[in-house]
Protein backbone atom coordinates (compact mmCIF):
# COMPACT_ATOMS: atom_id res chain seq x y z
CA MET A 1 -50.45 -72.29 141.43
CA ASP A 2 -49.77 -68.62 140.57
CA ARG A 3 -51.62 -67.26 137.58
CA ARG A 4 -49.33 -66.76 134.58
CA ARG A 5 -48.51 -63.17 133.72
CA PRO A 6 -49.61 -61.53 130.46
CA PHE A 7 -47.05 -61.26 127.65
CA GLU A 8 -46.08 -57.70 126.80
CA ILE A 9 -44.89 -56.63 123.36
CA ASN A 10 -44.74 -53.19 121.77
CA GLY A 11 -46.74 -51.72 124.65
CA GLU A 12 -49.57 -54.25 124.27
CA THR A 13 -50.43 -57.09 126.65
CA VAL A 14 -51.64 -60.57 125.69
CA ALA A 15 -53.46 -62.44 128.45
CA PRO A 16 -52.68 -66.11 129.20
CA GLY A 17 -54.79 -68.47 127.11
CA THR A 18 -55.35 -65.90 124.34
CA ARG A 19 -53.81 -64.83 121.06
CA ALA A 20 -53.43 -61.40 119.51
CA ARG A 21 -51.95 -59.79 116.42
CA VAL A 22 -49.57 -56.96 117.22
CA ASP A 23 -48.51 -54.49 114.52
CA ILE A 24 -45.11 -52.96 115.24
CA PRO A 25 -44.43 -49.78 113.21
CA VAL A 26 -41.42 -50.08 110.89
CA SER A 27 -41.59 -47.29 108.33
CA THR A 28 -43.80 -45.06 106.21
CA LEU A 29 -43.80 -45.30 102.42
CA SER A 30 -43.43 -42.25 100.22
CA ASN A 31 -47.21 -42.23 99.66
CA HIS A 32 -47.78 -42.06 103.45
CA THR A 33 -48.73 -45.75 103.76
CA PRO A 34 -47.51 -47.25 107.06
CA VAL A 35 -45.45 -50.46 107.04
CA ASN A 36 -45.63 -52.75 110.08
CA LEU A 37 -43.93 -55.86 111.40
CA SER A 38 -46.95 -58.01 112.27
CA VAL A 39 -46.53 -60.58 115.05
CA GLU A 40 -49.13 -63.18 116.02
CA VAL A 41 -48.71 -63.85 119.74
CA LEU A 42 -50.11 -67.10 121.17
CA HIS A 43 -49.70 -66.94 124.95
CA GLY A 44 -50.54 -70.24 126.65
CA ARG A 45 -52.15 -70.58 130.06
CA ARG A 46 -49.39 -72.91 131.21
CA PRO A 47 -45.74 -71.87 131.56
CA GLY A 48 -43.20 -72.92 128.96
CA PRO A 49 -40.56 -71.59 126.59
CA VAL A 50 -40.95 -68.65 124.24
CA LEU A 51 -40.50 -69.78 120.62
CA PHE A 52 -40.32 -67.41 117.66
CA VAL A 53 -40.93 -68.62 114.11
CA SER A 54 -40.15 -66.26 111.24
CA ALA A 55 -40.46 -66.28 107.46
CA ALA A 56 -39.76 -64.04 104.46
CA ILE A 57 -36.60 -62.42 105.75
CA HIS A 58 -35.91 -62.72 102.03
CA GLY A 59 -39.09 -61.38 100.46
CA ASP A 60 -39.21 -63.83 97.54
CA GLU A 61 -39.01 -66.91 99.80
CA VAL A 62 -42.77 -67.25 100.07
CA ILE A 63 -42.88 -70.91 101.05
CA GLY A 64 -42.25 -69.98 104.68
CA VAL A 65 -45.30 -67.72 104.63
CA GLU A 66 -47.48 -70.66 103.59
CA ILE A 67 -45.93 -72.81 106.32
CA MET A 68 -46.82 -70.11 108.85
CA ARG A 69 -50.38 -69.82 107.52
CA ARG A 70 -50.93 -73.52 108.11
CA LEU A 71 -49.14 -73.45 111.46
CA LEU A 72 -51.42 -70.74 112.83
CA ARG A 73 -54.46 -72.86 111.89
CA ALA A 74 -53.06 -76.13 113.26
CA THR A 75 -55.22 -77.81 115.91
CA PRO A 76 -52.26 -78.92 118.11
CA LEU A 77 -51.75 -75.26 119.09
CA LYS A 78 -55.00 -75.24 121.08
CA GLY A 79 -54.19 -75.36 124.77
CA MET A 80 -50.47 -74.94 124.15
CA ALA A 81 -47.99 -74.12 126.90
CA GLY A 82 -45.43 -71.35 126.67
CA THR A 83 -45.56 -68.58 124.08
CA LEU A 84 -45.35 -68.61 120.28
CA LEU A 85 -44.27 -65.46 118.45
CA ALA A 86 -45.17 -66.00 114.78
CA VAL A 87 -43.88 -63.53 112.18
CA PRO A 88 -45.05 -64.69 108.73
CA ILE A 89 -43.50 -61.76 106.84
CA VAL A 90 -40.39 -60.04 108.20
CA ASN A 91 -39.36 -58.27 104.98
CA THR A 92 -42.67 -56.71 103.91
CA PHE A 93 -40.99 -54.55 101.28
CA GLY A 94 -39.39 -57.49 99.48
CA PHE A 95 -42.49 -59.66 99.87
CA LEU A 96 -44.72 -57.10 98.12
CA GLY A 97 -42.13 -56.56 95.39
CA HIS A 98 -41.41 -60.29 94.86
CA SER A 99 -37.80 -59.50 95.72
CA ARG A 100 -35.17 -60.98 98.01
CA TYR A 101 -33.99 -57.50 98.99
CA LEU A 102 -35.25 -54.29 100.55
CA PRO A 103 -35.75 -51.03 98.60
CA ASP A 104 -32.29 -49.89 99.75
CA ARG A 105 -30.89 -52.91 97.81
CA ARG A 106 -29.65 -54.58 100.99
CA ASP A 107 -30.02 -58.21 102.04
CA LEU A 108 -31.74 -58.19 105.44
CA ASN A 109 -29.91 -61.35 106.47
CA ARG A 110 -26.55 -59.58 106.18
CA VAL A 111 -27.21 -56.58 108.51
CA PHE A 112 -28.23 -58.15 111.85
CA PRO A 113 -28.41 -57.12 114.66
CA GLY A 114 -28.99 -53.74 113.02
CA THR A 115 -29.22 -50.29 114.57
CA SER A 116 -32.06 -47.89 115.34
CA GLU A 117 -30.55 -45.13 113.19
CA GLY A 118 -29.01 -47.05 110.29
CA SER A 119 -30.27 -47.92 106.81
CA MET A 120 -33.81 -49.16 106.26
CA ALA A 121 -32.56 -52.76 106.41
CA SER A 122 -30.56 -52.07 109.57
CA GLN A 123 -33.55 -50.45 111.29
CA LEU A 124 -35.83 -53.38 110.39
CA ALA A 125 -33.24 -55.86 111.68
CA HIS A 126 -32.98 -53.87 114.92
CA ILE A 127 -36.76 -53.84 115.44
CA PHE A 128 -37.05 -57.57 114.78
CA MET A 129 -34.16 -58.37 117.13
CA HIS A 130 -35.41 -56.07 119.90
CA GLU A 131 -39.13 -56.87 119.78
CA VAL A 132 -39.07 -60.57 118.83
CA VAL A 133 -35.75 -62.42 118.88
CA ARG A 134 -34.45 -61.22 122.24
CA ARG A 135 -37.84 -62.04 123.81
CA ALA A 136 -37.51 -65.71 122.85
CA ASP A 137 -35.66 -68.74 124.19
CA VAL A 138 -35.35 -70.44 120.81
CA GLY A 139 -36.27 -69.71 117.20
CA ILE A 140 -36.98 -71.30 113.82
CA ASP A 141 -36.26 -69.22 110.70
CA LEU A 142 -37.87 -70.42 107.46
CA HIS A 143 -36.17 -70.07 104.07
CA SER A 144 -36.19 -71.49 100.55
CA ALA A 145 -33.75 -71.49 97.68
CA ALA A 146 -33.61 -68.43 95.44
CA ILE A 147 -35.72 -68.12 92.30
CA HIS A 148 -35.03 -70.74 89.61
CA ARG A 149 -33.45 -73.08 92.21
CA SER A 150 -34.84 -75.76 94.54
CA ASN A 151 -33.62 -77.07 97.88
CA LEU A 152 -34.39 -80.43 99.46
CA PRO A 153 -35.96 -79.79 102.90
CA GLN A 154 -33.07 -79.44 105.33
CA ILE A 155 -32.10 -77.98 108.68
CA ARG A 156 -28.94 -75.90 108.99
CA LEU A 157 -27.45 -75.43 112.42
CA THR A 158 -24.33 -74.24 114.19
CA PRO A 159 -21.56 -76.86 114.55
CA GLY A 160 -20.90 -77.95 118.12
CA ASN A 161 -24.20 -76.68 119.55
CA ALA A 162 -25.64 -79.67 121.43
CA ARG A 163 -29.05 -78.07 122.00
CA LEU A 164 -29.49 -77.26 118.32
CA GLN A 165 -28.41 -80.79 117.39
CA GLU A 166 -31.18 -82.09 119.66
CA LEU A 167 -33.78 -79.71 118.22
CA GLY A 168 -32.63 -80.50 114.67
CA ARG A 169 -33.22 -84.21 115.24
CA ALA A 170 -36.64 -83.41 116.69
CA PHE A 171 -37.52 -81.29 113.62
CA GLY A 172 -37.02 -84.36 111.43
CA ALA A 173 -36.18 -82.79 108.05
CA PRO A 174 -34.57 -85.19 105.57
CA VAL A 175 -31.13 -83.56 106.00
CA ILE A 176 -29.26 -81.83 108.83
CA MET A 177 -26.38 -79.67 107.57
CA GLU A 178 -23.85 -78.19 109.95
CA SER A 179 -23.27 -74.67 108.67
CA LYS A 180 -20.93 -72.01 110.03
CA LEU A 181 -22.41 -68.71 111.16
CA ARG A 182 -22.26 -65.87 108.65
CA GLU A 183 -21.43 -62.32 109.71
CA GLY A 184 -24.59 -60.17 109.75
CA SER A 185 -26.99 -63.14 109.70
CA LEU A 186 -29.94 -63.58 112.03
CA ARG A 187 -28.43 -66.83 113.31
CA MET A 188 -25.20 -65.12 114.36
CA ALA A 189 -26.95 -62.16 115.99
CA ALA A 190 -29.36 -64.46 117.80
CA GLU A 191 -26.56 -66.69 119.09
CA MET A 192 -24.72 -63.63 120.40
CA ALA A 193 -27.95 -62.71 122.21
CA GLY A 194 -28.19 -66.21 123.73
CA VAL A 195 -31.02 -67.44 121.47
CA ASP A 196 -30.56 -70.72 119.56
CA VAL A 197 -32.03 -70.66 116.04
CA LEU A 198 -32.73 -73.50 113.61
CA LEU A 199 -32.67 -72.48 109.95
CA TYR A 200 -35.04 -74.43 107.69
CA GLU A 201 -34.45 -74.53 103.93
CA GLY A 202 -36.86 -76.07 101.45
CA GLY A 203 -38.38 -75.49 98.04
CA GLU A 204 -37.92 -72.66 95.54
CA GLY A 205 -38.26 -68.88 95.60
CA LEU A 206 -41.70 -67.52 94.55
CA ARG A 207 -43.12 -71.07 94.43
CA PHE A 208 -44.99 -73.44 96.74
CA ASP A 209 -43.67 -76.99 97.05
CA GLU A 210 -46.09 -79.23 98.93
CA PHE A 211 -43.47 -81.63 100.28
CA ALA A 212 -41.31 -78.75 101.52
CA VAL A 213 -44.33 -77.01 103.06
CA ARG A 214 -45.41 -80.13 104.95
CA ALA A 215 -41.85 -80.93 106.01
CA GLY A 216 -41.56 -77.43 107.47
CA LEU A 217 -44.94 -77.47 109.19
CA ASN A 218 -44.48 -80.93 110.68
CA GLY A 219 -40.97 -80.04 111.79
CA ILE A 220 -42.15 -76.98 113.72
CA LEU A 221 -44.86 -79.03 115.43
CA ARG A 222 -42.30 -81.70 116.36
CA VAL A 223 -40.01 -79.08 117.89
CA MET A 224 -42.93 -77.62 119.86
CA HIS A 225 -43.76 -81.11 121.12
CA HIS A 226 -40.10 -81.68 122.04
CA LEU A 227 -40.17 -78.41 124.00
CA LYS A 228 -43.35 -79.63 125.76
CA MET A 229 -45.38 -76.77 124.32
CA ILE A 230 -47.95 -79.07 122.69
CA GLY A 231 -49.01 -82.70 123.04
CA GLY A 232 -47.88 -85.36 120.60
CA LYS A 233 -51.22 -86.89 119.62
CA SER A 234 -51.63 -84.96 116.36
CA VAL A 235 -47.93 -84.47 115.61
CA PRO A 236 -46.58 -86.68 112.77
CA LYS A 237 -43.70 -88.97 113.66
CA VAL A 238 -40.36 -88.70 111.86
CA PRO A 239 -40.62 -91.31 109.05
CA ALA A 240 -36.84 -91.81 108.73
CA PRO A 241 -33.74 -90.58 110.59
CA PRO A 242 -32.28 -87.39 109.07
CA VAL A 243 -29.12 -87.55 106.98
CA ARG A 244 -26.29 -85.71 108.73
CA ALA A 245 -23.58 -83.83 106.84
CA THR A 246 -20.77 -81.49 107.79
CA ARG A 247 -19.50 -80.78 104.27
CA SER A 248 -21.05 -80.04 100.91
CA THR A 249 -19.87 -79.48 97.34
CA TRP A 250 -21.20 -77.22 94.59
CA TYR A 251 -21.03 -78.23 90.93
CA ARG A 252 -21.02 -75.28 88.54
CA ALA A 253 -21.59 -74.79 84.84
CA PRO A 254 -18.33 -75.38 82.94
CA ARG A 255 -19.54 -73.08 80.15
CA GLY A 256 -22.57 -71.03 79.20
CA GLY A 257 -25.33 -72.84 77.34
CA LEU A 258 -28.32 -75.13 77.82
CA PHE A 259 -28.38 -77.15 81.04
CA ARG A 260 -29.97 -80.59 81.29
CA GLY A 261 -30.04 -82.14 84.75
CA TYR A 262 -30.19 -85.94 84.90
CA LEU A 263 -30.77 -86.24 88.66
CA THR A 264 -33.13 -84.64 91.14
CA LEU A 265 -33.30 -83.67 94.80
CA GLY A 266 -32.58 -86.55 97.18
CA ASP A 267 -30.76 -88.69 94.61
CA ALA A 268 -27.53 -90.41 95.69
CA VAL A 269 -24.27 -89.72 93.86
CA GLN A 270 -20.76 -91.14 93.99
CA PRO A 271 -17.51 -90.38 92.17
CA GLY A 272 -18.17 -90.83 88.47
CA THR A 273 -21.93 -90.17 88.60
CA VAL A 274 -22.99 -87.97 85.68
CA LEU A 275 -25.16 -85.19 87.14
CA GLY A 276 -26.10 -83.46 83.91
CA ALA A 277 -24.69 -81.72 80.87
CA VAL A 278 -24.30 -78.23 79.42
CA ALA A 279 -24.42 -77.88 75.63
CA ASN A 280 -24.41 -75.04 73.12
CA ALA A 281 -27.51 -74.21 71.11
CA PHE A 282 -26.15 -75.89 67.97
CA GLY A 283 -25.68 -79.27 69.64
CA ASP A 284 -22.08 -79.78 68.58
CA ILE A 285 -20.46 -78.91 71.94
CA GLU A 286 -21.50 -80.65 75.16
CA THR A 287 -19.78 -80.93 78.55
CA GLU A 288 -20.88 -83.32 81.30
CA LEU A 289 -20.91 -82.55 85.01
CA VAL A 290 -19.41 -85.50 86.87
CA ALA A 291 -19.52 -85.97 90.65
CA ASP A 292 -16.28 -86.54 92.54
CA VAL A 293 -17.78 -87.05 96.02
CA THR A 294 -20.24 -89.45 97.66
CA GLY A 295 -23.44 -87.84 98.89
CA ILE A 296 -26.99 -86.79 98.09
CA ILE A 297 -28.32 -83.88 96.06
CA ILE A 298 -29.78 -81.20 98.35
CA GLY A 299 -30.07 -78.36 95.83
CA ARG A 300 -30.24 -77.87 92.08
CA ALA A 301 -30.87 -75.25 89.42
CA ASN A 302 -34.17 -75.29 87.52
CA LEU A 303 -33.38 -72.76 84.80
CA PRO A 304 -32.06 -74.44 81.62
CA VAL A 305 -30.22 -71.36 80.31
CA VAL A 306 -27.00 -70.93 82.29
CA TYR A 307 -23.86 -68.83 82.39
CA GLU A 308 -20.41 -70.22 82.99
CA GLY A 309 -19.92 -70.59 86.75
CA ASP A 310 -23.63 -70.85 87.64
CA ALA A 311 -24.26 -73.23 90.56
CA LEU A 312 -26.16 -76.23 89.16
CA PHE A 313 -26.04 -78.93 91.87
CA HIS A 314 -25.42 -78.85 95.62
CA VAL A 315 -24.34 -82.18 97.13
CA ALA A 316 -24.24 -82.93 100.86
CA GLU A 317 -21.33 -85.27 101.46
CA THR A 318 -22.29 -88.42 103.36
CA PRO A 319 -20.57 -91.82 103.23
CA ARG A 320 -23.77 -93.88 103.08
CA ALA A 321 -25.42 -92.06 100.21
CA GLU A 322 -27.63 -94.92 98.97
CA ALA A 323 -29.06 -95.56 102.45
CA ALA A 324 -29.57 -91.82 102.89
CA ALA A 325 -31.45 -91.61 99.60
CA ASP A 326 -33.64 -94.54 100.67
CA GLY A 327 -34.48 -92.68 103.89
CA ILE A 328 -35.49 -89.59 101.94
CA SER A 329 -37.67 -91.73 99.67
CA ALA A 330 -39.33 -93.10 102.82
CA GLN A 331 -40.14 -89.54 103.89
CA LEU A 332 -41.72 -88.83 100.50
CA ASP A 333 -43.71 -92.06 100.57
CA ALA A 334 -44.90 -91.38 104.12
CA ALA A 335 -46.38 -88.01 103.16
CA PRO A 336 -48.77 -88.42 100.20
CA LEU A 337 -50.14 -85.26 98.64
CA TYR A 338 -53.31 -83.93 100.22
CA ASP A 339 -56.49 -83.19 98.34
CA GLU A 340 -57.33 -79.49 98.30
CA ASP A 341 -59.92 -79.79 101.07
CA GLU A 342 -57.50 -81.71 103.31
CA ILE A 343 -54.85 -78.97 103.46
CA ILE A 344 -55.06 -77.23 106.81
């Protein structure tokens, strides 16, 4: 059998059966400090697909960085086939500043595929697309909710894409949401380049959530096993079939005031279910939020002080909500919290 060729990236070569960290120049700060896009390349001895996994496109969504840290230490990666391109921090500027955005106030996930001579965000998007995304066959992009909000672990994928449906089932997150492509997003730019991308959502901005971290890590390993990049011996099985949804509903604050949520992520709702209430500080005015669809809660606000119109609950519409909620409970029960020395 012919020896596998080295993987080339940014002028550097990574030999089969080795791994290397490649720093791709992005910019220089005003104090002359260089900023790089750092990519960990794991190039297997055996042939297989090229998978990219990325995190922190939004700099405050740090949970993906922790997922990547654990992934790069995971024992199933030893002896892997194919090539893994791991980018723990895409938006270095936002990550260091605890911000979703770049210094030019742009959202990186609204400027793809970018250009080599555009704004800072556009140039970073162009580098990431050119050096990483277009080199891959498939990708997984890790996200969380914004600050003061939490998302139930979920996969979002393009409607009608059979391959992504298959990979989404393999990932095994509690929920699969079909979500249309957004102009300027990584998913849209990647699809136009012929690269299928799963988007993982879980947890809260600037916070670690152990269940969401483990759901993300295990999901990536399951996808790698499905792609025949790693064996299945150390890969956790999916504890319950994912809930599938094609529609969702947001419930917003009817007035400004103090928000009290009565339900949490993964709970089932039906028409008439009271989700929570918003009251004034004097206690003499209170308005309830009442569901008018059947589904499960996949996102909620954590901040008790709200403005009128703030999004408080996100419900994925599914006809068998109670069964879906039971399946999510099974996932929680199947993944007890680790002790500190057990976390990989």
